[in-house]
C-alpha cells in the first residue's frame, strides 16, 4: 500500500513519492539537526489531539532518535513480543504521528494483520523484517541509507560462497609489495574466470586494468584493486530509457524451468500492491495446472486480480484476454507469467514472439518491459539463455534469483556485459527477499575479503 499525501502536503509531489511529501523532510535533514523526528502537529486533522502517557513518552524518544526507519521501529516495538493488539496499536501510533490519513493507516494495519494471520506468524522475530520492508515501500524509503545497509548485509551473506572462491586469489594477488607484472595479470584473469564472470568478461576487465595501469603509472596492488572496483561498477552503468507508459504497464516475465520465475512474479506483484498499484497477474503458462494454481494463490495473498484460461489454452489468447480485462478494470500493472521453457527448444521460443504480438494488439506498446529471470547458480549457462531469449523477444531487464545459495555470484558480472540492466536480485524465499539491485553494494560485497 502506498499512502497518499494529506491535504496540507505539497500540491505536486513527485510521481514516485510514497506516503506523503512532508515525510521526506525527515530524511533530507542536515546532519546538524538536533531533533530529526518532527512528526505530526496538533493541528493535523488526522493526528490525535492528545496522547496517552505511554504514547507521549514514545513520541519524545522518536523525536530524539536518528531519522531512520529501523530506529523508529526500535522505539515502537519495545516490549512487543509478537502479533496482537499491542503491535497493531504501536504501528497505528507511528503512522498517526507521521500524519498519515486515518483511513489509510487503518488500511495498512488491517492488511498487515491479515497477512500475519494468513502466514500464522506469532513471534516478532518471524515478521519484523517484513514489517520494515512494507513500511519502507509505503514510505518510499528503499534508497534510505538504513535500507541500503540491510541490502549490503544480505548481499554479503548471499555472496559468501563466491567470495570464498574469489577472495583467496585476490588476497594473494593484492598482497602489499606484490609486483604488478605479467604473471600478476594472468592470475587476476584466472581468478575472475573462477568466479564465473565469464572468459570474455574476465579477459576484457583484465586488459582494461592493464591499460589503465600503464597509462596512469599504477605499480601497486592497492590501486589495482580500487581500479577493479571502478571497472566492475562501469559494467553496471544504468540504461536510460523512457519509463512512462500508457497504463496499464504490461510486464512479460520469461525464463527457463527452475529459475524461480513464478515465485519472482509473486514477489514483484507483492511490491506493486504495497506501493498502491492495482495489479493483475496473468497466467499464460497454460501447460502446467500446478503453475496456474500456485499463481492464483499468490495473487490472492497479495491482493491482486488474477486471470487464467483453461488448461492447454493458447498462451497468446490468454495474454490478450488478460490485457483486455486489465484495461476494463483500470489496472496499473499487469504481470504475464509464461511457461518455463528450455532456451534450446525453438518452437517454444517462437511462442514468446506470438505472445508479444498478442499483447501489442490488445494494448499498443505492450509488453512495455520483458524481464528474464535467471538462476544465479547456473553459471555460464545463463549467458546462453540471455543470447537465445534476446533473439526471440528482446530483454529489457534481468532478475537474478537464488543469490543467497550460490558460489557463482560472478554470473551477474557476466550478464552485465550484455548491456542489459539487472533490476532485482533474489536472496531468499520470503517476499522481502527480492530487492532492487544496487551495483555499489553488489561490487563491495563481491570484493570484500573472505572471513
Protein backbone atom coordinates (compact mmCIF):
# COMPACT_ATOMS: atom_id res chain seq x y z
CA UNK A 1 0.00 0.00 0.00
CA UNK A 2 1.34 3.42 -0.90
CA UNK A 3 -0.18 6.06 1.35
CA UNK A 4 -1.39 9.33 -0.10
CA UNK A 5 -0.30 12.83 0.92
CA UNK A 6 -2.60 14.63 3.35
CA UNK A 7 -4.45 17.74 2.29
CA UNK A 8 -1.71 20.05 3.56
CA UNK A 9 1.09 18.27 1.66
CA UNK A 10 2.94 19.78 -1.26
CA UNK A 11 0.42 20.15 -4.14
CA UNK A 12 2.72 18.48 -6.68
CA UNK A 13 4.60 15.57 -5.06
CA UNK A 14 6.98 13.55 -7.24
CA UNK A 15 5.34 10.76 -9.22
CA UNK A 16 7.25 8.09 -7.30
CA UNK A 17 6.70 9.65 -3.89
CA UNK A 18 5.43 7.28 -1.24
CA UNK A 19 3.28 8.02 1.79
CA UNK A 20 3.17 11.81 1.96
CA UNK A 21 5.57 14.50 0.88
CA UNK A 22 6.07 16.04 4.30
CA UNK A 23 7.73 12.83 5.47
CA UNK A 24 10.71 13.27 3.15
CA UNK A 25 11.95 16.25 5.18
CA UNK A 26 12.92 13.83 7.96
CA UNK A 27 15.30 12.02 5.62
CA UNK A 28 16.63 15.07 3.78
CA UNK A 29 17.55 16.73 7.07
CA UNK A 30 21.05 18.08 7.52
CA UNK A 31 23.43 16.21 9.86
CA UNK A 32 23.30 19.15 12.26
CA UNK A 33 19.65 18.59 13.15
CA UNK A 34 19.15 18.02 16.83
CA UNK A 35 15.57 16.71 16.51
CA UNK A 36 15.39 14.55 13.36
CA UNK A 37 11.85 13.38 14.07
CA UNK A 38 9.36 16.22 13.63
CA UNK A 39 6.14 14.32 13.07
CA UNK A 40 2.55 15.39 13.45
CA UNK A 41 1.35 18.76 14.53
CA UNK A 42 -1.58 19.07 16.90
CA UNK A 43 -3.48 20.88 14.17
CA UNK A 44 -3.42 17.87 11.79
CA UNK A 45 -6.95 16.75 11.06
CA UNK A 46 -5.97 13.10 11.13
CA UNK A 47 -3.49 13.14 14.01
CA UNK A 48 -4.68 12.57 17.58
CA UNK A 49 -5.08 15.75 19.62
CA UNK A 50 -3.71 14.09 22.76
CA UNK A 51 -1.53 11.12 23.61
CA UNK A 52 -1.59 8.69 26.49
CA UNK A 53 1.39 8.95 28.86
CA UNK A 54 2.96 5.89 27.20
CA UNK A 55 2.50 7.39 23.73
CA UNK A 56 3.83 10.75 24.85
CA UNK A 57 6.98 9.05 26.13
CA UNK A 58 7.38 7.18 22.84
CA UNK A 59 6.96 10.42 20.90
CA UNK A 60 9.79 12.01 22.87
CA UNK A 61 12.04 9.06 22.00
CA UNK A 62 11.02 9.17 18.34
CA UNK A 63 11.89 12.84 18.11
CA UNK A 64 15.27 12.24 19.71
CA UNK A 65 16.41 9.19 17.72
CA UNK A 66 18.09 9.11 14.32
CA UNK A 67 15.81 9.66 11.33
CA UNK A 68 15.94 6.04 10.25
CA UNK A 69 13.12 3.57 9.87
CA UNK A 70 14.93 0.90 11.89
CA UNK A 71 15.47 3.39 14.72
CA UNK A 72 11.77 4.25 14.78
CA UNK A 73 10.89 0.56 14.88
CA UNK A 74 13.24 0.05 17.84
CA UNK A 75 11.13 2.59 19.74
CA UNK A 76 7.64 1.44 18.84
CA UNK A 77 8.39 -2.29 19.10
CA UNK A 78 9.87 -2.11 22.58
CA UNK A 79 8.10 -4.67 24.80
CA UNK A 80 6.25 -6.10 21.77
CA UNK A 81 6.83 -9.85 21.69
CA UNK A 82 4.59 -10.82 18.81
CA UNK A 83 1.32 -10.34 16.95
CA UNK A 84 -1.53 -8.82 18.90
CA UNK A 85 -3.32 -5.63 19.82
CA UNK A 86 -0.18 -4.00 21.26
CA UNK A 87 1.65 -4.44 17.94
CA UNK A 88 -1.20 -3.06 15.87
CA UNK A 89 -1.72 -0.05 18.16
CA UNK A 90 2.02 0.75 18.02
CA UNK A 91 2.07 0.63 14.21
CA UNK A 92 -1.03 2.83 14.07
CA UNK A 93 0.62 5.26 16.51
CA UNK A 94 3.74 5.59 14.35
CA UNK A 95 1.65 6.26 11.25
CA UNK A 96 -0.51 8.73 13.18
CA UNK A 97 2.40 10.86 14.39
CA UNK A 98 3.67 10.87 10.80
CA UNK A 99 0.32 12.44 9.83
CA UNK A 100 -0.86 9.50 7.72
CA UNK A 101 -4.57 9.87 6.91
CA UNK A 102 -6.63 7.83 9.36
CA UNK A 103 -8.34 5.68 6.72
CA UNK A 104 -5.03 4.74 5.17
CA UNK A 105 -3.24 3.92 8.38
CA UNK A 106 -6.20 1.71 9.32
CA UNK A 107 -5.90 0.02 5.93
CA UNK A 108 -2.15 -0.55 6.39
CA UNK A 109 -2.67 -2.15 9.80
CA UNK A 110 -5.61 -4.23 8.54
CA UNK A 111 -3.64 -5.66 5.63
CA UNK A 112 -0.61 -6.40 7.76
CA UNK A 113 -2.77 -8.10 10.38
CA UNK A 114 -4.47 -10.17 7.69
CA UNK A 115 -1.09 -11.21 6.30
CA UNK A 116 0.13 -12.28 9.74
CA UNK A 117 -2.98 -14.39 10.27
CA UNK A 118 -2.65 -15.94 6.82
CA UNK A 119 1.01 -16.81 7.41
CA UNK A 120 0.28 -17.89 11.00
CA UNK A 121 3.18 -15.82 12.33
CA UNK A 122 3.13 -15.02 16.03
CA UNK A 123 6.70 -14.22 17.10
CA UNK A 124 8.09 -10.75 16.38
CA UNK A 125 11.26 -12.38 15.09
CA UNK A 126 9.21 -14.06 12.34
CA UNK A 127 7.75 -10.88 10.86
CA UNK A 128 9.80 -7.88 11.96
CA UNK A 129 11.80 -7.78 8.73
CA UNK A 130 8.61 -7.98 6.66
CA UNK A 131 7.11 -5.09 8.63
CA UNK A 132 10.17 -2.93 7.95
CA UNK A 133 10.05 -3.92 4.28
CA UNK A 134 6.37 -2.94 3.97
CA UNK A 135 6.92 0.37 5.68
CA UNK A 136 9.97 1.10 3.51
CA UNK A 137 7.88 0.55 0.38
CA UNK A 138 4.92 2.53 1.67
CA UNK A 139 7.22 5.37 2.72
CA UNK A 140 9.30 5.15 -0.47
CA UNK A 141 12.43 4.70 1.62
CA UNK A 142 14.23 1.82 -0.11
CA UNK A 143 17.00 4.23 -1.06
CA UNK A 144 17.42 5.36 2.55
CA UNK A 145 20.88 4.60 3.95
CA UNK A 146 19.47 2.23 6.55
CA UNK A 147 17.74 0.12 3.89
CA UNK A 148 20.85 0.12 1.70
CA UNK A 149 22.82 -1.21 4.68
CA UNK A 150 20.32 -4.04 5.07
CA UNK A 151 20.71 -4.85 1.38
CA UNK A 152 24.51 -4.84 1.64
CA UNK A 153 24.35 -7.25 4.59
CA UNK A 154 22.03 -9.57 2.65
CA UNK A 155 24.31 -9.47 -0.38
CA UNK A 156 27.40 -10.12 1.71
CA UNK A 157 25.73 -13.18 3.22
CA UNK A 158 24.45 -14.39 -0.15
CA UNK A 159 27.78 -13.92 -1.90
CA UNK A 160 29.82 -15.61 0.81
CA UNK A 161 30.36 -18.69 -1.37
CA UNK A 162 31.52 -16.61 -4.32
CA UNK A 163 33.71 -14.50 -2.07
CA UNK A 164 35.40 -17.61 -0.67
CA UNK A 165 36.24 -18.65 -4.22
CA UNK A 166 37.48 -15.26 -5.37
CA UNK A 167 38.91 -13.75 -2.19
CA UNK A 168 41.68 -16.30 -1.73
CA UNK A 169 43.07 -15.49 -5.16
CA UNK A 170 42.58 -11.75 -4.77
CA UNK A 171 44.12 -11.69 -1.32
CA UNK A 172 47.24 -13.35 -2.70
CA UNK A 173 47.31 -11.02 -5.69
CA UNK A 174 46.84 -7.85 -3.71
CA UNK A 175 49.44 -8.58 -1.07
CA UNK A 176 51.44 -5.49 -0.25
CA UNK A 177 54.65 -5.46 -2.24
CA UNK A 178 53.45 -7.85 -4.95
CA UNK A 179 54.83 -6.82 -8.34
CA UNK A 180 52.28 -5.77 -10.95
CA UNK A 181 53.77 -7.73 -13.81
CA UNK A 182 52.74 -10.22 -16.49
CA UNK A 183 52.16 -13.09 -14.06
CA UNK A 184 50.02 -10.78 -11.90
CA UNK A 185 47.64 -10.04 -14.79
CA UNK A 186 47.43 -13.74 -15.74
CA UNK A 187 46.49 -14.71 -12.17
CA UNK A 188 43.92 -11.91 -11.97
CA UNK A 189 42.21 -13.12 -15.16
CA UNK A 190 42.17 -16.71 -13.89
CA UNK A 191 40.67 -15.62 -10.57
CA UNK A 192 37.88 -13.70 -12.32
CA UNK A 193 37.11 -16.68 -14.56
CA UNK A 194 36.86 -18.95 -11.50
CA UNK A 195 34.26 -16.55 -10.08
CA UNK A 196 32.06 -17.22 -13.16
CA UNK A 197 32.41 -13.75 -14.61
CA UNK A 198 32.87 -15.43 -17.99
CA UNK A 199 36.01 -15.76 -20.08
CA UNK A 200 35.26 -12.81 -22.35
CA UNK A 201 34.33 -10.51 -19.48
CA UNK A 202 37.34 -11.57 -17.39
CA UNK A 203 39.68 -11.02 -20.34
CA UNK A 204 38.16 -7.59 -21.11
CA UNK A 205 38.39 -6.49 -17.49
CA UNK A 206 41.99 -7.62 -17.20
CA UNK A 207 43.04 -5.88 -20.42
CA UNK A 208 41.23 -2.71 -19.35
CA UNK A 209 43.03 -2.73 -16.00
CA UNK A 210 46.37 -3.48 -17.65
CA UNK A 211 45.85 -0.49 -19.97
CA UNK A 212 44.91 1.79 -17.08
CA UNK A 213 47.94 0.68 -15.08
CA UNK A 214 50.24 1.56 -17.99
CA UNK A 215 48.54 4.88 -18.72
CA UNK A 216 48.24 6.01 -15.09
CA UNK A 217 51.52 4.61 -13.86
CA UNK A 218 49.88 2.19 -11.40
CA UNK A 219 52.51 -0.06 -9.86
CA UNK A 220 50.98 -1.06 -6.51
CA UNK A 221 48.26 -3.65 -5.97
CA UNK A 222 46.13 -1.42 -3.71
CA UNK A 223 45.44 0.91 -6.61
CA UNK A 224 44.78 -2.05 -8.92
CA UNK A 225 42.12 -3.32 -6.52
CA UNK A 226 40.48 0.12 -6.43
CA UNK A 227 40.57 0.24 -10.23
CA UNK A 228 38.95 -3.22 -10.42
CA UNK A 229 36.13 -1.94 -8.21
CA UNK A 230 35.63 1.03 -10.56
CA UNK A 231 35.68 -1.09 -13.73
CA UNK A 232 33.15 -3.55 -12.30
CA UNK A 233 30.84 -0.66 -11.48
CA UNK A 234 31.10 0.61 -15.05
CA UNK A 235 29.68 -2.70 -16.28
CA UNK A 236 26.50 -1.95 -14.35
CA UNK A 237 26.01 1.58 -15.67
CA UNK A 238 22.30 2.45 -15.86
CA UNK A 239 20.46 2.29 -19.16
CA UNK A 240 18.48 5.47 -19.72
CA UNK A 241 15.11 4.99 -21.33
CA UNK A 242 11.60 6.45 -21.27
CA UNK A 243 9.82 4.62 -18.47
CA UNK A 244 6.44 6.34 -18.81
CA UNK A 245 3.74 4.19 -20.39
CA UNK A 246 0.08 4.45 -21.22
CA UNK A 247 -1.36 2.34 -18.39
CA UNK A 248 -1.62 -0.42 -17.65
CA UNK A 249 2.07 -1.24 -17.77
CA UNK A 250 2.49 -4.77 -19.11
CA UNK A 251 5.46 -6.77 -17.83
CA UNK A 252 6.25 -10.05 -19.59
CA UNK A 253 8.25 -12.42 -17.38
CA UNK A 254 10.25 -15.17 -19.09
CA UNK A 255 12.81 -17.80 -18.13
CA UNK A 256 13.70 -21.47 -18.13
CA UNK A 257 12.21 -24.10 -15.84
CA UNK A 258 13.55 -23.97 -12.30
CA UNK A 259 14.82 -20.40 -12.36
CA UNK A 260 12.22 -19.24 -9.82
CA UNK A 261 10.11 -17.33 -12.34
CA UNK A 262 6.64 -17.83 -10.83
CA UNK A 263 7.82 -17.05 -7.30
CA UNK A 264 9.60 -13.95 -8.61
CA UNK A 265 6.38 -12.75 -10.26
CA UNK A 266 4.60 -13.16 -6.93
CA UNK A 267 7.25 -11.04 -5.22
CA UNK A 268 7.06 -8.35 -7.92
CA UNK A 269 3.29 -8.28 -7.55
CA UNK A 270 3.62 -8.02 -3.77
CA UNK A 271 5.86 -4.96 -4.18
CA UNK A 272 3.48 -3.20 -6.55
CA UNK A 273 0.44 -3.83 -4.34
CA UNK A 274 2.31 -2.44 -1.33
CA UNK A 275 3.12 0.64 -3.43
CA UNK A 276 -0.60 1.17 -4.00
CA UNK A 277 -0.75 -0.13 -7.59
CA UNK A 278 -3.81 -2.01 -8.84
CA UNK A 279 -2.17 -5.17 -10.10
CA UNK A 280 -3.23 -8.14 -12.21
CA UNK A 281 -1.45 -11.47 -12.61
CA UNK A 282 -1.99 -13.26 -15.91
CA UNK A 283 -1.28 -17.00 -16.02
CA UNK A 284 -0.11 -17.56 -19.59
CA UNK A 285 1.66 -20.76 -18.53
CA UNK A 286 -1.21 -22.97 -19.67
CA UNK A 287 0.82 -26.19 -19.80
CA UNK A 288 1.04 -26.78 -16.05
CA UNK A 289 -2.14 -26.67 -13.97
CA UNK A 290 0.01 -26.52 -10.82
CA UNK A 291 1.66 -23.31 -12.02
CA UNK A 292 -1.73 -21.66 -12.57
CA UNK A 293 -2.96 -22.73 -9.13
CA UNK A 294 0.24 -21.51 -7.50
CA UNK A 295 -0.04 -18.12 -9.17
CA UNK A 296 -3.70 -17.79 -8.17
CA UNK A 297 -2.78 -18.41 -4.53
CA UNK A 298 -0.02 -15.79 -4.71
CA UNK A 299 -2.40 -13.26 -6.30
CA UNK A 300 -4.96 -13.79 -3.53
CA UNK A 301 -2.33 -13.37 -0.83
CA UNK A 302 -1.00 -10.18 -2.40
CA UNK A 303 -4.45 -8.71 -3.01
CA UNK A 304 -4.07 -8.66 -6.80
CA UNK A 305 -6.51 -9.54 -9.56
CA UNK A 306 -5.99 -12.78 -11.46
CA UNK A 307 -6.75 -14.13 -14.93
CA UNK A 308 -6.22 -17.59 -16.38
CA UNK A 309 -7.55 -19.59 -19.31
CA UNK A 310 -8.35 -23.28 -19.49
CA UNK A 311 -5.52 -25.77 -19.23
CA UNK A 312 -3.90 -26.16 -22.61
CA UNK A 313 -5.36 -22.89 -23.93
CA UNK A 314 -3.36 -20.76 -26.34
CA UNK A 315 -0.99 -18.65 -24.16
CA UNK A 316 -1.22 -15.74 -26.61
CA UNK A 317 -5.02 -15.77 -26.36
CA UNK A 318 -4.84 -15.83 -22.55
CA UNK A 319 -2.47 -12.87 -22.65
CA UNK A 320 -4.80 -10.94 -24.95
CA UNK A 321 -7.80 -11.61 -22.67
CA UNK A 322 -5.84 -10.63 -19.57
CA UNK A 323 -4.86 -7.28 -21.08
CA UNK A 324 -8.44 -6.63 -22.11
CA UNK A 325 -9.51 -7.32 -18.53
CA UNK A 326 -6.79 -5.06 -17.14
CA UNK A 327 -7.87 -2.23 -19.44
CA UNK A 328 -11.53 -2.60 -18.44
CA UNK A 329 -10.76 -2.75 -14.73
CA UNK A 330 -8.34 0.17 -14.69
CA UNK A 331 -5.27 -1.79 -13.60
CA UNK A 332 -1.93 -0.05 -13.19
CA UNK A 333 0.34 -3.05 -13.76
CA UNK A 334 -0.14 -6.46 -15.42
CA UNK A 335 2.40 -9.24 -14.93
CA UNK A 336 2.26 -12.01 -17.53
CA UNK A 337 3.66 -15.36 -16.44
CA UNK A 338 4.88 -17.57 -19.27
CA UNK A 339 5.70 -21.25 -19.38
CA UNK A 340 9.21 -22.15 -18.32
CA UNK A 341 10.97 -23.27 -21.46
CA UNK A 342 14.33 -24.57 -22.48
CA UNK A 343 16.15 -21.96 -24.50
CA UNK A 344 17.13 -24.75 -26.91
CA UNK A 345 13.51 -25.54 -27.89
CA UNK A 346 12.85 -23.44 -31.00
CA UNK A 347 9.07 -23.94 -31.11
CA UNK A 348 8.59 -22.82 -27.51
CA UNK A 349 10.86 -19.84 -28.02
CA UNK A 350 8.87 -18.84 -31.11
CA UNK A 351 5.72 -18.91 -28.99
CA UNK A 352 7.06 -15.99 -26.95
CA UNK A 353 7.06 -13.87 -30.10
CA UNK A 354 3.40 -14.77 -30.59
CA UNK A 355 2.60 -13.71 -27.01
CA UNK A 356 4.35 -10.37 -27.57
CA UNK A 357 2.34 -9.74 -30.76
CA UNK A 358 -0.93 -10.59 -28.99
CA UNK A 359 -0.07 -8.19 -26.16
CA UNK A 360 0.63 -5.43 -28.69
CA UNK A 361 -2.74 -5.95 -30.37
CA UNK A 362 -4.60 -5.75 -27.08
CA UNK A 363 -2.66 -2.75 -25.81
CA UNK A 364 -0.39 -0.84 -28.24
CA UNK A 365 3.17 -0.72 -26.97
CA UNK A 366 2.82 -3.83 -24.81
CA UNK A 367 4.72 -5.54 -23.43
CA UNK A 368 6.41 -2.46 -22.04
CA UNK A 369 9.06 -4.50 -20.25
CA UNK A 370 10.31 -8.03 -20.83
CA UNK A 371 12.10 -9.44 -17.80
CA UNK A 372 14.30 -12.53 -17.95
CA UNK A 373 14.59 -14.42 -14.67
CA UNK A 374 17.93 -16.20 -14.26
CA UNK A 375 19.14 -18.66 -11.66
CA UNK A 376 22.42 -17.17 -10.41
CA UNK A 377 23.68 -20.68 -9.74
CA UNK A 378 23.52 -21.65 -13.42
CA UNK A 379 26.96 -20.23 -14.11
CA UNK A 380 27.89 -19.82 -17.75
CA UNK A 381 24.60 -21.35 -18.91
CA UNK A 382 22.97 -18.02 -18.07
CA UNK A 383 24.89 -16.41 -20.94
CA UNK A 384 23.38 -18.86 -23.42
CA UNK A 385 19.92 -18.11 -22.03
CA UNK A 386 20.41 -14.37 -22.47
CA UNK A 387 21.53 -14.84 -26.08
CA UNK A 388 18.64 -17.10 -27.07
CA UNK A 389 15.86 -15.18 -25.32
CA UNK A 390 17.17 -11.91 -26.77
CA UNK A 391 16.72 -13.28 -30.28
CA UNK A 392 13.07 -14.23 -29.87
CA UNK A 393 11.57 -11.34 -27.93
CA UNK A 394 14.23 -8.97 -26.65
CA UNK A 395 15.10 -8.42 -22.98
CA UNK A 396 14.76 -5.17 -21.05
CA UNK A 397 15.80 -6.34 -17.60
CA UNK A 398 17.39 -9.25 -15.78
CA UNK A 399 16.45 -10.62 -12.37
CA UNK A 400 18.96 -12.91 -10.67
CA UNK A 401 17.43 -15.40 -8.24
CA UNK A 402 18.91 -17.75 -5.62
CA UNK A 403 21.82 -15.42 -4.98
CA UNK A 404 21.73 -16.50 -1.35
CA UNK A 405 22.80 -20.07 -2.01
CA UNK A 406 25.31 -19.97 -4.83
CA UNK A 407 29.06 -19.81 -5.20
CA UNK A 408 28.57 -18.31 -8.65
CA UNK A 409 27.67 -14.71 -7.87
CA UNK A 410 30.07 -13.59 -10.59
CA UNK A 411 27.30 -14.56 -13.03
CA UNK A 412 25.88 -11.07 -12.51
CA UNK A 413 29.11 -9.58 -13.86
CA UNK A 414 28.99 -11.82 -16.93
CA UNK A 415 25.34 -10.94 -17.54
CA UNK A 416 26.02 -7.21 -17.20
CA UNK A 417 28.47 -7.42 -20.10
CA UNK A 418 25.44 -7.78 -22.41
CA UNK A 419 24.37 -4.23 -21.55
CA UNK A 420 21.06 -5.39 -20.07
CA UNK A 421 20.41 -3.93 -16.61
CA UNK A 422 19.92 -6.16 -13.58
CA UNK A 423 16.82 -4.76 -11.88
CA UNK A 424 16.34 -7.10 -8.91
CA UNK A 425 18.14 -9.87 -7.06
CA UNK A 426 16.51 -12.69 -5.13
CA UNK A 427 18.24 -13.58 -1.87
CA UNK A 428 15.77 -15.91 -0.16
CA UNK A 429 12.28 -17.31 -0.18
CA UNK A 430 10.46 -14.54 1.69
CA UNK A 431 8.57 -11.78 -0.12
CA UNK A 432 11.02 -9.20 1.21
CA UNK A 433 13.98 -11.12 -0.23
CA UNK A 434 13.53 -9.69 -3.72
CA UNK A 435 15.40 -6.39 -3.64
CA UNK A 436 16.35 -3.72 -6.18
CA UNK A 437 19.84 -4.38 -7.50
CA UNK A 438 22.38 -1.87 -6.23
CA UNK A 439 25.69 -2.14 -8.16
CA UNK A 440 27.77 -0.44 -5.46
CA UNK A 441 26.53 -2.80 -2.77
CA UNK A 442 26.98 -5.82 -5.03
CA UNK A 443 30.56 -5.00 -6.05
CA UNK A 444 31.52 -4.12 -2.48
CA UNK A 445 30.11 -7.44 -1.26
CA UNK A 446 31.78 -9.35 -4.09
CA UNK A 447 35.25 -7.91 -3.48
CA UNK A 448 35.08 -7.89 0.32
CA UNK A 449 37.81 -10.04 1.94
CA UNK A 450 36.66 -13.53 2.90
CA UNK A 451 36.09 -14.09 6.60
